[in-house]
């Protein structure tokens, strides 16, 4: 039995699309947008570039390990995972299909991230839509949820608590 040791960018992304995010396992690390680039060097090494969701994300070591394991199982002869901090990751890199997966999983998907520049003064943050019943009659209970990138809300209509994936 021979193993194909040729890894195109598309093949690498296809393999990594099966690696779930350890904190939100309903979406993959590719869908989360943290896999920025992938290639195979002339010496056969598969090189992956990842960007953490934030600089102190505790899941990055586990994500790197899971990426290495998936590529090793696919027959990659050598693997190098690079971390790139700039440009900073943004929730805007999460595609619409993955946002729908978050909603079906019970996590309110992030809205549009603030892109910097001038700060727009608003009266209040718009309400977050409940992923269970769709109501916007919700109350923020905590700015931090099960992870730093989520907030906890309660729906006043269906009475279900839920996480919001914060936009940043």
Foldseek 3Di string as FASTA:
>chain_A
DDADLAAAFVNLLVLQQCAAQPVQRLGTLVLQPQFPTWHADPVQEIETEGEDLDPPPPSPVVSVVSSVVSVVVNPRPHYHYHYDPPPHDWSVSRDPVVCLSCLVVFEQEEDAADPDDDDDDDPDDQATAGSPPRDSQKAFDACDDPHNQWTWMAHPPVRDIGIYRYTD
